[in-house]
N, C-alpha and C. Protein backbone atom coordinates (compact mmCIF):
# COMPACT_ATOMS: atom_id res chain seq x y z
N MET A 1 13.74 -4.31 15.48
CA MET A 1 14.55 -3.39 14.65
C MET A 1 15.69 -2.46 15.04
N LYS A 2 16.47 -2.09 13.87
CA LYS A 2 17.39 -0.77 14.25
C LYS A 2 16.71 0.24 13.94
N ARG A 3 17.38 1.16 14.37
CA ARG A 3 16.99 2.57 13.66
C ARG A 3 17.41 2.90 12.75
N SER A 4 18.54 2.43 12.05
CA SER A 4 18.55 2.70 11.03
C SER A 4 17.95 1.79 9.81
N GLN A 5 17.39 1.01 9.87
CA GLN A 5 16.59 0.46 9.55
C GLN A 5 15.23 1.25 9.15
N ILE A 6 15.06 1.20 10.52
CA ILE A 6 13.52 2.63 10.08
C ILE A 6 13.71 3.91 9.76
N ASN A 7 15.14 4.32 9.79
CA ASN A 7 14.94 5.51 8.98
C ASN A 7 15.14 5.38 7.30
N GLU A 8 15.91 4.11 6.97
CA GLU A 8 15.89 3.63 5.67
C GLU A 8 14.76 3.38 5.25
N ILE A 9 13.69 2.97 5.61
CA ILE A 9 12.29 2.20 5.25
C ILE A 9 11.61 4.21 4.61
N ILE A 10 11.18 4.45 6.01
CA ILE A 10 10.81 6.31 6.11
C ILE A 10 11.18 6.76 4.54
N ALA A 11 12.39 6.55 4.66
CA ALA A 11 13.15 7.66 3.37
C ALA A 11 12.76 6.76 1.98
N ASP A 12 12.64 5.67 1.83
CA ASP A 12 12.18 5.09 1.08
C ASP A 12 10.61 4.78 0.33
N PHE A 13 10.35 5.25 1.68
CA PHE A 13 8.78 5.68 1.65
C PHE A 13 8.48 6.44 0.47
N ARG A 14 9.12 8.13 1.09
CA ARG A 14 9.51 9.14 1.23
C ARG A 14 9.67 9.22 -0.61
N GLN A 15 10.33 8.32 -1.27
CA GLN A 15 10.67 8.42 -2.52
C GLN A 15 9.64 7.67 -3.36
N LEU A 16 8.78 7.09 -2.72
CA LEU A 16 7.77 6.33 -3.59
C LEU A 16 6.73 7.44 -3.29
N LEU A 17 6.25 7.91 -2.69
CA LEU A 17 5.45 9.15 -2.35
C LEU A 17 5.62 9.88 -2.86
N ASP A 18 6.88 10.31 -3.53
CA ASP A 18 7.41 11.59 -4.70
C ASP A 18 7.31 10.88 -6.17
N ALA A 19 7.11 9.76 -6.37
CA ALA A 19 6.97 9.82 -7.25
C ALA A 19 5.73 9.32 -7.74
N TYR A 20 4.37 9.42 -6.63
CA TYR A 20 3.12 9.61 -7.05
C TYR A 20 3.03 10.65 -6.69
N ARG A 21 3.89 11.77 -6.67
CA ARG A 21 3.14 13.24 -6.23
C ARG A 21 2.59 13.31 -5.46
N TRP A 22 2.49 12.78 -4.07
CA TRP A 22 1.50 12.80 -2.42
C TRP A 22 2.53 13.32 -2.31
N THR A 23 1.69 14.97 -1.82
CA THR A 23 2.42 15.34 -0.92
C THR A 23 2.06 15.42 1.00
N LEU A 24 2.72 15.37 1.71
CA LEU A 24 2.85 14.85 3.37
C LEU A 24 2.47 16.59 3.73
N PRO A 25 1.47 16.82 5.43
CA PRO A 25 1.66 17.60 5.60
C PRO A 25 3.39 18.42 6.48
N LYS A 26 3.27 19.35 6.51
CA LYS A 26 4.56 19.59 6.72
C LYS A 26 5.30 18.65 7.74
N TRP A 27 4.62 18.82 9.15
CA TRP A 27 4.94 17.89 10.08
C TRP A 27 5.43 16.70 9.82
N ALA A 28 5.19 16.39 9.07
CA ALA A 28 6.12 14.65 8.40
C ALA A 28 7.16 15.04 8.36
N ASN A 29 8.00 16.40 8.41
CA ASN A 29 9.07 16.25 8.05
C ASN A 29 10.16 16.36 9.48
N TYR A 30 9.39 16.81 10.48
CA TYR A 30 9.67 17.41 11.57
C TYR A 30 10.79 16.57 12.20
N SER A 31 11.38 16.85 12.59
CA SER A 31 12.26 16.07 14.18
C SER A 31 11.98 15.71 15.09
N VAL A 32 12.64 15.64 16.30
CA VAL A 32 12.85 15.34 17.49
C VAL A 32 13.10 17.07 17.89
N GLU A 33 13.60 17.21 18.00
CA GLU A 33 13.85 18.95 18.11
C GLU A 33 13.09 19.92 17.70
N ASP A 34 12.14 19.80 16.61
CA ASP A 34 11.25 20.23 15.87
C ASP A 34 9.99 20.43 16.88
N PHE A 35 9.23 18.91 17.25
CA PHE A 35 8.45 18.59 17.68
C PHE A 35 8.79 18.82 19.62
N ALA A 36 9.44 18.98 19.83
CA ALA A 36 9.94 19.40 21.21
C ALA A 36 9.26 21.19 21.14
N GLN A 37 9.60 21.83 19.90
CA GLN A 37 9.59 23.25 19.59
C GLN A 37 7.92 23.42 20.14
N LYS A 38 7.25 22.51 19.88
CA LYS A 38 5.77 22.36 19.60
C LYS A 38 4.76 21.75 20.09
N PRO A 39 5.20 21.77 21.73
CA PRO A 39 4.37 20.37 21.93
C PRO A 39 2.39 20.15 22.56
N GLU A 40 2.12 21.13 22.32
CA GLU A 40 0.94 21.11 21.50
C GLU A 40 0.42 20.66 20.33
N LEU A 41 1.37 20.43 19.62
CA LEU A 41 1.11 20.08 18.03
C LEU A 41 1.30 18.19 18.90
N ALA A 42 2.43 18.46 19.02
CA ALA A 42 3.13 17.40 19.69
C ALA A 42 2.04 15.80 20.47
N HIS A 43 1.69 16.70 21.50
CA HIS A 43 0.73 15.81 22.20
C HIS A 43 -0.77 15.35 21.31
N TRP A 44 -1.07 16.42 20.11
CA TRP A 44 -2.33 16.74 19.90
C TRP A 44 -2.51 15.02 18.63
N LEU A 45 -0.94 15.18 17.92
CA LEU A 45 -0.55 14.14 16.99
C LEU A 45 -0.67 13.01 17.46
N GLN A 46 -0.01 12.58 18.77
CA GLN A 46 -0.10 11.63 19.30
C GLN A 46 -1.04 11.41 20.10
N ARG A 47 -1.98 11.79 20.46
CA ARG A 47 -3.60 11.25 20.46
C ARG A 47 -4.11 10.93 19.91
N HIS A 48 -4.21 11.48 18.38
CA HIS A 48 -4.59 11.22 17.36
C HIS A 48 -3.97 9.96 16.58
N GLN A 49 -2.78 9.16 17.14
CA GLN A 49 -1.73 8.45 17.10
C GLN A 49 -1.84 8.68 15.07
N MET A 50 -1.42 10.10 14.73
CA MET A 50 -1.25 10.25 12.94
C MET A 50 0.70 10.82 12.85
N GLY A 51 0.60 10.31 12.06
CA GLY A 51 2.17 10.64 11.72
C GLY A 51 3.12 9.33 11.29
N TRP A 52 4.37 8.75 11.20
CA TRP A 52 5.13 7.65 11.05
C TRP A 52 4.65 6.60 11.53
N ASP A 53 4.99 5.26 10.81
CA ASP A 53 4.89 4.55 11.63
C ASP A 53 5.51 3.10 10.98
N VAL A 54 6.34 2.46 11.72
CA VAL A 54 7.02 1.17 11.09
C VAL A 54 6.87 -0.02 11.76
N THR A 55 6.56 -1.09 11.54
CA THR A 55 6.48 -2.09 12.66
C THR A 55 6.94 -3.63 11.78
N ASP A 56 7.48 -4.14 12.64
CA ASP A 56 7.47 -5.61 11.93
C ASP A 56 7.01 -6.84 12.50
N PHE A 57 6.01 -6.35 13.52
CA PHE A 57 5.08 -7.31 14.09
C PHE A 57 5.69 -8.09 15.03
N GLY A 58 7.41 -7.62 15.61
CA GLY A 58 7.71 -8.17 16.23
C GLY A 58 8.56 -10.03 15.24
N SER A 59 8.28 -9.83 14.30
CA SER A 59 9.07 -10.81 13.25
C SER A 59 11.00 -10.88 12.86
N GLY A 60 11.13 -9.33 13.34
CA GLY A 60 12.86 -9.61 13.13
C GLY A 60 13.37 -9.87 11.51
N ASP A 61 11.49 -9.41 10.67
CA ASP A 61 12.15 -9.81 9.08
C ASP A 61 11.10 -8.81 8.44
N PHE A 62 11.51 -7.53 8.37
CA PHE A 62 11.04 -6.74 7.78
C PHE A 62 10.36 -6.65 6.27
N ALA A 63 11.19 -7.29 5.98
CA ALA A 63 11.09 -7.17 4.98
C ALA A 63 9.51 -8.32 3.92
N ALA A 64 9.48 -9.39 5.45
CA ALA A 64 8.58 -10.93 4.91
C ALA A 64 7.40 -10.58 5.87
N ARG A 65 7.53 -9.78 6.85
CA ARG A 65 6.39 -9.50 7.81
C ARG A 65 6.65 -8.37 8.60
N GLY A 66 6.08 -6.84 7.60
CA GLY A 66 5.89 -5.46 8.25
C GLY A 66 5.49 -4.95 7.63
N LEU A 67 5.07 -3.58 7.70
CA LEU A 67 4.53 -2.34 7.54
C LEU A 67 4.82 -1.38 7.72
N ALA A 68 4.77 -0.20 6.37
CA ALA A 68 5.21 0.89 6.95
C ALA A 68 3.83 1.66 6.19
N LEU A 69 3.71 2.54 7.05
CA LEU A 69 2.42 3.34 6.93
C LEU A 69 2.73 4.98 7.42
N PHE A 70 1.70 6.17 6.87
CA PHE A 70 1.62 7.34 7.76
C PHE A 70 0.52 7.81 7.67
N CYS A 71 -0.61 8.03 8.29
CA CYS A 71 -1.34 8.22 9.24
C CYS A 71 -1.51 10.07 8.82
N LEU A 72 -3.05 10.54 7.95
CA LEU A 72 -2.58 11.69 7.73
C LEU A 72 -4.13 12.48 8.67
N ARG A 73 -4.63 11.37 8.98
CA ARG A 73 -6.24 12.40 9.70
C ARG A 73 -6.03 10.95 10.36
N ASN A 74 -7.34 11.29 11.79
CA ASN A 74 -7.91 10.65 12.59
C ASN A 74 -8.06 10.97 13.58
N GLY A 75 -9.44 10.56 14.15
CA GLY A 75 -10.06 10.74 15.27
C GLY A 75 -9.59 9.96 16.78
N VAL A 76 -10.43 9.72 17.46
CA VAL A 76 -10.08 9.56 18.58
C VAL A 76 -11.36 8.75 18.87
N GLN A 77 -11.53 7.67 19.28
CA GLN A 77 -12.56 6.39 19.19
C GLN A 77 -13.26 6.50 20.54
N SER A 78 -12.58 6.91 21.55
CA SER A 78 -13.39 7.30 22.70
C SER A 78 -13.26 8.77 22.91
N ASP A 79 -13.56 10.00 22.18
CA ASP A 79 -14.02 11.32 21.78
C ASP A 79 -14.82 10.71 20.86
N PRO A 80 -16.44 11.35 21.33
CA PRO A 80 -17.62 11.64 20.47
C PRO A 80 -17.56 13.14 19.96
N HIS A 81 -16.42 13.86 20.00
CA HIS A 81 -16.02 15.04 19.65
C HIS A 81 -14.92 15.56 18.75
N SER A 82 -14.76 14.12 18.25
CA SER A 82 -13.71 14.41 17.53
C SER A 82 -14.53 13.87 15.49
N VAL A 83 -13.55 13.67 14.82
CA VAL A 83 -13.58 13.69 13.92
C VAL A 83 -14.23 12.26 13.76
N PRO A 84 -15.58 11.92 12.95
CA PRO A 84 -15.47 9.94 12.89
C PRO A 84 -14.77 9.60 11.70
N TYR A 85 -13.59 9.97 10.92
CA TYR A 85 -12.84 8.69 10.31
C TYR A 85 -10.99 8.78 10.04
N ALA A 86 -10.29 8.66 9.10
CA ALA A 86 -9.23 8.18 9.44
C ALA A 86 -8.52 7.68 7.78
N GLU A 87 -7.21 8.14 7.60
CA GLU A 87 -6.79 8.25 6.22
C GLU A 87 -5.10 8.09 6.38
N LYS A 88 -4.96 7.10 5.71
CA LYS A 88 -3.62 6.10 5.87
C LYS A 88 -3.17 6.12 3.83
N LEU A 89 -1.61 6.54 4.46
CA LEU A 89 -0.80 5.98 3.18
C LEU A 89 -0.40 4.62 3.54
N LEU A 90 -0.17 3.78 3.00
CA LEU A 90 0.43 2.48 3.56
C LEU A 90 1.80 2.10 2.44
N PHE A 91 2.86 1.44 2.85
CA PHE A 91 4.20 1.10 1.74
C PHE A 91 4.23 -0.16 1.83
N VAL A 92 4.15 -1.33 0.63
CA VAL A 92 3.60 -1.92 0.64
C VAL A 92 4.75 -3.11 0.14
N GLY A 93 5.66 -4.14 0.18
CA GLY A 93 6.25 -4.35 -0.48
C GLY A 93 6.09 -6.19 -0.97
N PRO A 94 7.56 -6.33 -2.31
CA PRO A 94 7.03 -7.77 -2.36
C PRO A 94 6.89 -8.60 -2.03
N GLY A 95 5.77 -9.12 -1.90
CA GLY A 95 5.67 -10.66 -0.87
C GLY A 95 5.36 -9.99 0.66
N GLN A 96 5.73 -9.00 1.35
CA GLN A 96 5.67 -8.45 2.36
C GLN A 96 4.17 -8.36 2.79
N GLU A 97 4.24 -9.11 3.84
CA GLU A 97 2.66 -9.66 4.84
C GLU A 97 2.32 -8.46 5.86
N THR A 98 1.46 -8.32 6.09
CA THR A 98 0.19 -7.82 6.75
C THR A 98 -0.38 -8.70 7.60
N PRO A 99 -0.09 -9.37 8.58
CA PRO A 99 -0.80 -10.64 8.76
C PRO A 99 -2.11 -10.81 9.65
N PHE A 100 -2.57 -11.79 9.88
CA PHE A 100 -4.28 -11.74 10.34
C PHE A 100 -4.60 -11.03 11.33
N HIS A 101 -6.02 -9.52 10.92
CA HIS A 101 -5.93 -9.37 11.89
C HIS A 101 -7.68 -8.85 11.63
N ALA A 102 -8.22 -8.51 12.63
CA ALA A 102 -9.27 -7.79 12.51
C ALA A 102 -9.55 -6.09 13.69
N HIS A 103 -10.77 -5.86 13.28
CA HIS A 103 -11.03 -4.82 14.13
C HIS A 103 -12.78 -5.03 14.02
N LYS A 104 -12.79 -4.47 15.90
CA LYS A 104 -14.10 -4.50 15.83
C LYS A 104 -15.00 -3.16 15.70
N ILE A 105 -14.50 -2.20 15.95
CA ILE A 105 -15.19 -1.11 15.94
C ILE A 105 -14.94 -0.25 14.38
N LYS A 106 -13.95 -0.42 13.55
CA LYS A 106 -13.56 0.02 12.60
C LYS A 106 -13.63 -0.49 11.27
N LEU A 107 -14.77 0.49 10.08
CA LEU A 107 -15.31 -0.38 8.54
C LEU A 107 -13.78 0.56 8.41
N GLU A 108 -13.17 -0.34 7.32
CA GLU A 108 -12.17 0.28 6.30
C GLU A 108 -12.63 0.24 4.75
N ASP A 109 -11.78 1.01 4.04
CA ASP A 109 -11.57 0.33 2.73
C ASP A 109 -10.03 0.48 2.05
N ILE A 110 -9.59 -0.70 1.91
CA ILE A 110 -8.45 -0.27 1.43
C ILE A 110 -8.36 -0.18 0.08
N ILE A 111 -7.01 0.98 -0.49
CA ILE A 111 -6.92 1.48 -2.02
C ILE A 111 -6.15 0.54 -2.62
N ASN A 112 -5.78 0.20 -3.39
CA ASN A 112 -4.50 0.42 -4.06
C ASN A 112 -4.50 0.98 -5.01
N ARG A 113 -3.43 2.25 -4.21
CA ARG A 113 -3.02 3.74 -4.81
C ARG A 113 -2.50 3.47 -6.47
N GLY A 114 -1.67 2.42 -6.58
CA GLY A 114 -0.17 2.53 -7.70
C GLY A 114 1.28 1.18 -7.15
N GLY A 115 1.07 0.97 -8.38
CA GLY A 115 2.39 0.27 -8.34
C GLY A 115 2.09 -1.03 -8.44
N GLY A 116 2.70 -2.30 -8.20
CA GLY A 116 1.89 -3.44 -7.75
C GLY A 116 0.50 -4.07 -7.67
N ASP A 117 0.53 -5.27 -7.73
CA ASP A 117 -0.38 -5.79 -7.16
C ASP A 117 -0.82 -6.33 -5.73
N LEU A 118 -1.78 -5.71 -5.23
CA LEU A 118 -2.46 -5.85 -3.96
C LEU A 118 -2.72 -7.46 -4.20
N LEU A 119 -3.06 -8.42 -2.74
CA LEU A 119 -3.61 -10.12 -2.84
C LEU A 119 -3.75 -9.59 -0.61
N PHE A 120 -5.28 -10.15 -1.15
CA PHE A 120 -6.13 -10.25 0.72
C PHE A 120 -6.54 -11.90 0.78
N GLU A 121 -6.09 -11.97 1.92
CA GLU A 121 -6.93 -13.41 2.29
C GLU A 121 -7.74 -12.41 3.17
N PHE A 122 -8.45 -13.75 3.54
CA PHE A 122 -9.80 -13.63 4.47
C PHE A 122 -10.55 -14.47 5.50
N ARG A 123 -10.75 -14.44 6.64
CA ARG A 123 -10.60 -15.63 7.19
C ARG A 123 -12.47 -14.81 8.31
N PRO A 124 -13.29 -16.05 8.37
CA PRO A 124 -14.00 -15.17 9.59
C PRO A 124 -13.99 -15.25 11.14
N GLY A 125 -14.30 -14.83 11.65
CA GLY A 125 -13.83 -15.28 12.78
C GLY A 125 -14.15 -16.30 14.00
N PRO A 126 -13.05 -16.96 14.83
CA PRO A 126 -13.17 -17.97 15.60
C PRO A 126 -14.35 -18.49 15.44
N GLY A 127 -14.97 -20.03 15.17
CA GLY A 127 -16.00 -20.23 15.37
C GLY A 127 -17.20 -20.39 13.65
N ALA A 128 -16.96 -19.31 12.98
CA ALA A 128 -18.08 -18.87 12.13
C ALA A 128 -17.75 -19.52 10.99
N ALA A 129 -18.67 -19.81 10.14
CA ALA A 129 -18.68 -20.48 8.74
C ALA A 129 -18.80 -19.94 7.63
N GLY A 130 -19.19 -20.63 6.68
CA GLY A 130 -19.12 -20.03 5.20
C GLY A 130 -18.60 -19.35 4.03
N ALA A 131 -19.66 -18.63 3.27
CA ALA A 131 -18.26 -17.70 2.49
C ALA A 131 -18.63 -16.27 2.78
N ILE A 132 -17.48 -15.59 2.49
CA ILE A 132 -17.08 -14.70 2.63
C ILE A 132 -17.64 -13.56 1.30
N LYS A 133 -18.89 -12.47 1.84
CA LYS A 133 -19.03 -11.67 0.94
C LYS A 133 -18.93 -10.49 0.90
N LEU A 134 -18.22 -9.62 0.05
CA LEU A 134 -17.96 -8.73 -0.14
C LEU A 134 -17.78 -7.75 -1.04
N ARG A 135 -17.63 -6.21 -1.04
CA ARG A 135 -17.63 -5.34 -2.17
C ARG A 135 -16.31 -4.52 -2.25
N CYS A 136 -16.11 -5.26 -3.41
CA CYS A 136 -14.70 -4.03 -4.19
C CYS A 136 -15.26 -3.06 -5.15
N ASP A 137 -14.98 -1.59 -5.18
CA ASP A 137 -15.47 -0.87 -5.77
C ASP A 137 -17.27 -0.94 -5.87
N GLY A 138 -18.23 -1.27 -5.28
CA GLY A 138 -19.15 -1.67 -5.16
C GLY A 138 -19.90 -3.00 -5.78
N ILE A 139 -18.60 -3.65 -6.40
CA ILE A 139 -18.90 -4.96 -7.02
C ILE A 139 -18.83 -6.58 -5.87
N SER A 140 -19.96 -7.17 -6.38
CA SER A 140 -20.06 -8.46 -4.98
C SER A 140 -19.41 -9.35 -5.51
N HIS A 141 -18.47 -9.80 -4.30
CA HIS A 141 -17.73 -10.95 -4.50
C HIS A 141 -17.74 -12.09 -2.60
N GLU A 142 -17.74 -12.98 -3.56
CA GLU A 142 -18.06 -14.47 -2.97
C GLU A 142 -16.82 -15.22 -2.95
N LEU A 143 -15.90 -15.44 -1.58
CA LEU A 143 -14.97 -15.82 -1.74
C LEU A 143 -14.62 -17.03 -0.32
N GLU A 144 -14.12 -17.68 -0.60
CA GLU A 144 -14.14 -18.88 0.47
C GLU A 144 -13.04 -18.46 1.09
N ALA A 145 -12.75 -18.95 2.70
CA ALA A 145 -11.65 -18.67 3.93
C ALA A 145 -10.51 -18.68 2.57
N ASP A 146 -9.38 -17.42 3.03
CA ASP A 146 -8.17 -17.80 2.72
C ASP A 146 -7.82 -17.87 1.16
N GLU A 147 -9.10 -17.83 0.26
CA GLU A 147 -9.10 -17.63 -1.37
C GLU A 147 -8.59 -16.41 -1.22
N PRO A 148 -7.25 -16.35 -2.28
CA PRO A 148 -6.82 -14.71 -2.73
C PRO A 148 -7.78 -14.03 -2.72
N LEU A 149 -8.05 -12.63 -3.06
CA LEU A 149 -8.33 -11.85 -4.05
C LEU A 149 -7.44 -10.51 -4.47
N VAL A 150 -7.05 -9.87 -5.26
CA VAL A 150 -6.35 -9.14 -6.29
C VAL A 150 -6.86 -8.09 -6.84
N LEU A 151 -5.80 -7.23 -6.06
CA LEU A 151 -6.49 -5.46 -5.91
C LEU A 151 -5.52 -5.25 -7.21
N LYS A 152 -5.77 -5.02 -8.23
CA LYS A 152 -4.77 -4.23 -8.99
C LYS A 152 -5.03 -2.22 -8.93
N PRO A 153 -3.94 -1.25 -9.01
CA PRO A 153 -3.74 -0.32 -9.08
C PRO A 153 -5.36 0.36 -9.56
N GLY A 154 -5.42 1.02 -8.95
CA GLY A 154 -7.24 2.39 -9.02
C GLY A 154 -8.32 0.83 -8.07
N GLU A 155 -8.29 -0.07 -7.76
CA GLU A 155 -9.09 -0.70 -7.06
C GLU A 155 -9.29 -1.08 -5.75
N SER A 156 -10.05 -1.44 -5.34
CA SER A 156 -10.26 -0.80 -3.68
C SER A 156 -11.54 -2.42 -2.98
N VAL A 157 -11.05 -2.51 -1.75
CA VAL A 157 -12.14 -3.92 -0.67
C VAL A 157 -12.98 -2.82 0.16
N THR A 158 -14.00 -3.11 0.43
CA THR A 158 -14.46 -2.43 1.64
C THR A 158 -14.39 -3.42 2.47
N ILE A 159 -13.59 -3.54 3.58
CA ILE A 159 -13.68 -5.14 4.94
C ILE A 159 -14.51 -5.00 5.93
N PRO A 160 -15.57 -5.69 5.90
CA PRO A 160 -16.62 -5.19 7.18
C PRO A 160 -15.85 -5.66 8.61
N ARG A 161 -16.22 -4.76 9.65
CA ARG A 161 -16.05 -5.10 10.49
C ARG A 161 -15.50 -6.80 11.29
N GLY A 162 -14.85 -6.74 11.74
CA GLY A 162 -14.25 -8.41 12.59
C GLY A 162 -14.05 -9.04 11.82
N LEU A 163 -14.01 -9.04 10.23
CA LEU A 163 -13.60 -9.84 9.40
C LEU A 163 -11.98 -9.76 9.41
N TYR A 164 -11.43 -11.39 10.02
CA TYR A 164 -9.68 -11.61 9.33
C TYR A 164 -9.63 -10.83 8.18
N HIS A 165 -8.33 -10.52 8.20
CA HIS A 165 -7.96 -10.28 6.61
C HIS A 165 -6.53 -10.01 6.66
N ARG A 166 -5.46 -10.60 6.26
CA ARG A 166 -4.05 -10.41 5.61
C ARG A 166 -3.77 -9.97 4.40
N PHE A 167 -2.82 -8.84 3.54
CA PHE A 167 -2.50 -8.51 2.62
C PHE A 167 -0.72 -8.45 2.48
N TYR A 168 -0.19 -8.61 1.27
CA TYR A 168 0.81 -8.63 1.06
C TYR A 168 0.69 -7.77 -0.25
N GLY A 169 2.06 -7.62 -1.08
CA GLY A 169 2.25 -7.17 -1.91
C GLY A 169 2.63 -8.56 -3.02
N HIS A 170 2.41 -8.82 -4.37
CA HIS A 170 2.61 -9.62 -5.65
C HIS A 170 4.13 -10.11 -5.16
N PRO A 171 4.34 -11.64 -5.27
CA PRO A 171 5.62 -11.45 -5.06
C PRO A 171 6.61 -11.95 -6.24
N GLY A 172 7.81 -11.19 -6.32
CA GLY A 172 8.36 -10.25 -7.39
C GLY A 172 7.11 -9.55 -7.81
N GLY A 173 7.07 -8.97 -7.97
CA GLY A 173 6.55 -7.77 -7.96
C GLY A 173 6.95 -6.11 -7.82
N GLU A 174 5.87 -5.17 -8.15
CA GLU A 174 6.60 -4.00 -7.67
C GLU A 174 6.27 -2.85 -6.17
N SER A 175 6.92 -2.77 -5.40
CA SER A 175 5.73 -2.28 -4.23
C SER A 175 4.46 -1.58 -4.64
N VAL A 176 4.22 -1.70 -3.21
CA VAL A 176 2.50 -0.67 -3.95
C VAL A 176 2.12 0.55 -2.91
N LEU A 177 1.77 1.35 -3.46
CA LEU A 177 1.62 2.39 -3.02
C LEU A 177 0.07 1.80 -2.12
N VAL A 178 -0.71 1.82 -0.57
CA VAL A 178 -1.94 1.82 -0.18
C VAL A 178 -2.28 2.87 0.16
N GLY A 179 -3.59 3.08 -0.18
CA GLY A 179 -4.57 4.41 0.68
C GLY A 179 -5.43 3.65 1.81
N GLU A 180 -5.73 4.02 2.94
CA GLU A 180 -6.92 3.18 3.56
C GLU A 180 -7.17 4.15 4.29
N VAL A 181 -8.94 4.48 3.80
CA VAL A 181 -10.16 5.62 4.27
C VAL A 181 -10.97 4.43 5.19
N SER A 182 -11.28 5.27 6.30
CA SER A 182 -12.05 4.75 7.63
C SER A 182 -12.97 5.30 8.21
N GLN A 183 -13.68 4.52 9.54
CA GLN A 183 -13.70 4.92 10.54
C GLN A 183 -12.53 4.95 11.69
N VAL A 184 -12.54 6.22 12.71
CA VAL A 184 -11.70 6.24 13.54
C VAL A 184 -10.52 5.32 13.67
N ASN A 185 -9.11 5.60 13.82
CA ASN A 185 -8.74 4.23 13.67
C ASN A 185 -7.53 4.34 15.73
N ASP A 186 -7.52 2.93 16.18
CA ASP A 186 -7.09 2.84 17.14
C ASP A 186 -6.28 1.40 17.38
N ASP A 187 -4.96 2.07 17.28
CA ASP A 187 -4.34 0.69 16.97
C ASP A 187 -3.51 0.41 18.18
N GLY A 188 -4.27 0.78 19.52
CA GLY A 188 -3.81 0.08 20.90
C GLY A 188 -5.22 -0.69 21.55
N SER A 189 -6.16 -0.32 21.10
CA SER A 189 -7.75 -1.51 21.27
C SER A 189 -8.65 -1.89 20.65
N ASP A 190 -7.74 -1.32 19.30
CA ASP A 190 -8.62 -2.52 18.36
C ASP A 190 -7.91 -2.95 17.11
N ASN A 191 -7.18 -3.53 17.59
CA ASN A 191 -6.75 -4.88 16.24
C ASN A 191 -6.32 -6.08 17.24
N TYR A 192 -7.32 -6.94 16.42
CA TYR A 192 -7.10 -8.53 17.31
C TYR A 192 -6.73 -9.57 16.31
N PHE A 193 -5.31 -10.09 16.48
CA PHE A 193 -4.55 -10.17 15.43
C PHE A 193 -4.74 -12.18 15.76
N TRP A 194 -5.01 -13.00 14.49
CA TRP A 194 -5.69 -14.27 14.86
C TRP A 194 -4.56 -15.27 15.26
N ASP A 195 -2.93 -14.63 15.24
CA ASP A 195 -1.96 -15.44 16.24
C ASP A 195 -1.64 -14.31 16.88
N GLU A 196 -1.17 -14.03 18.22
CA GLU A 196 -0.81 -13.56 19.34
C GLU A 196 0.08 -12.74 18.25
N LEU A 197 0.55 -11.45 18.40
CA LEU A 197 1.31 -10.78 17.86
C LEU A 197 1.73 -9.15 18.25
N PRO A 198 2.84 -8.47 18.64
CA PRO A 198 3.24 -7.31 19.03
C PRO A 198 2.35 -6.33 17.87
N ARG A 199 1.86 -5.35 17.98
CA ARG A 199 1.66 -4.33 16.91
C ARG A 199 2.91 -3.67 16.94
N PHE A 200 3.47 -3.18 17.73
CA PHE A 200 4.76 -2.19 17.80
C PHE A 200 5.80 -2.88 17.63
N ALA A 201 7.30 -2.05 17.12
CA ALA A 201 8.28 -2.72 17.01
C ALA A 201 9.19 -2.98 18.52
N GLN A 202 10.12 -3.38 18.56
CA GLN A 202 10.99 -2.96 19.47
C GLN A 202 12.57 -2.68 18.46
N ILE A 203 12.68 -1.70 19.09
CA ILE A 203 13.62 -0.87 18.11
C ILE A 203 15.26 -0.67 18.82
N GLU A 204 15.99 -1.05 18.18
CA GLU A 204 17.67 -0.93 18.67
C GLU A 204 18.24 0.04 18.34
N GLU A 205 18.50 1.04 19.23
CA GLU A 205 18.83 2.49 19.17
C GLU A 205 20.57 2.31 18.28
N ASP A 206 20.58 1.78 17.04
CA ASP A 206 22.29 2.24 16.47
C ASP A 206 22.62 3.21 15.80
N GLU A 207 21.58 4.52 15.85
CA GLU A 207 21.49 5.27 15.28
C GLU A 207 20.83 6.63 15.55
N ALA A 208 20.99 7.68 15.25
CA ALA A 208 19.80 8.67 15.73
C ALA A 208 18.50 8.71 15.13
N ILE A 209 17.46 9.23 15.63
CA ILE A 209 16.27 9.45 14.61
C ILE A 209 16.33 11.16 14.07
N ILE A 210 15.81 10.53 12.68
CA ILE A 210 15.91 11.32 11.42
C ILE A 210 14.18 11.07 11.37
N LEU A 211 13.45 10.50 12.06
CA LEU A 211 11.87 10.77 11.67
C LEU A 211 11.31 10.04 13.07
N PRO A 212 10.64 10.96 13.81
CA PRO A 212 10.21 9.95 15.05
C PRO A 212 9.03 9.27 15.02
N LEU A 213 8.45 8.42 15.36
CA LEU A 213 7.62 7.52 14.82
C LEU A 213 6.14 8.48 16.09
N TRP A 214 4.65 7.90 15.21
CA TRP A 214 3.64 8.91 16.09
C TRP A 214 3.57 8.29 17.75
N ASN A 215 4.10 7.15 17.54
CA ASN A 215 3.85 6.09 19.55
C ASN A 215 5.51 6.91 20.02
N GLU A 216 6.42 7.10 19.82
CA GLU A 216 7.26 8.07 20.18
C GLU A 216 7.35 9.59 20.95
N VAL A 217 8.28 9.00 21.73
CA VAL A 217 8.11 11.10 22.52
C VAL A 217 8.68 11.75 21.83
N TYR A 218 7.53 12.97 21.14
CA TYR A 218 8.06 14.22 20.79
C TYR A 218 8.58 15.06 21.50
N GLY A 219 9.24 14.48 23.19
CA GLY A 219 9.39 15.90 23.53
C GLY A 219 8.01 16.57 24.12
N SER A 220 6.80 15.98 24.39
CA SER A 220 5.87 16.93 24.86
C SER A 220 5.00 16.26 25.91
N GLN A 221 6.47 15.76 26.93
CA GLN A 221 5.92 15.54 28.06
C GLN A 221 7.06 16.23 28.54
């Protein structure tokens, strides 16, 4: 991905957040230079994987397969003294897919906070069979593998550990503001993709960084 594209995606995401009156922590607006002046905060945020995140999963086509998100709070899976939960906001475009993946440690709720419909598909792990049972806002659902589940604004789904899932905005619909409430998230060790894919984008620096991603150096080293 080009840095210019990432800068534009974050700007679009911020416009969506403004439309839904979501206000982020003040460090969400920090530049590389700002973080260089606050190395303790920069190190803490990096360790907790908090902040901006934009990826195309190596697809080269962010609009078709990609995700932009902001992690507001998170613990550290290897640290028993950290907080045991995480919260994210996600920006999902029409027809834009986050590909099949599962988590072995993290249990999560995904919430459609507003905009268009959010579609999910599920698969049991390799070698598993049978119907997929899960709950949406406490209501029991039973689905076949790859059978779509539609979340309207305000609806949510609890995704059990080990269940492969993909999601995407309804093609032809509006962008979706998505929430995630979960146990501690670790994008380095607890993402298991159905197909082998990179979690983070390779970035071509064609213009200056406006807001750094959490996995980039904030000047804290």
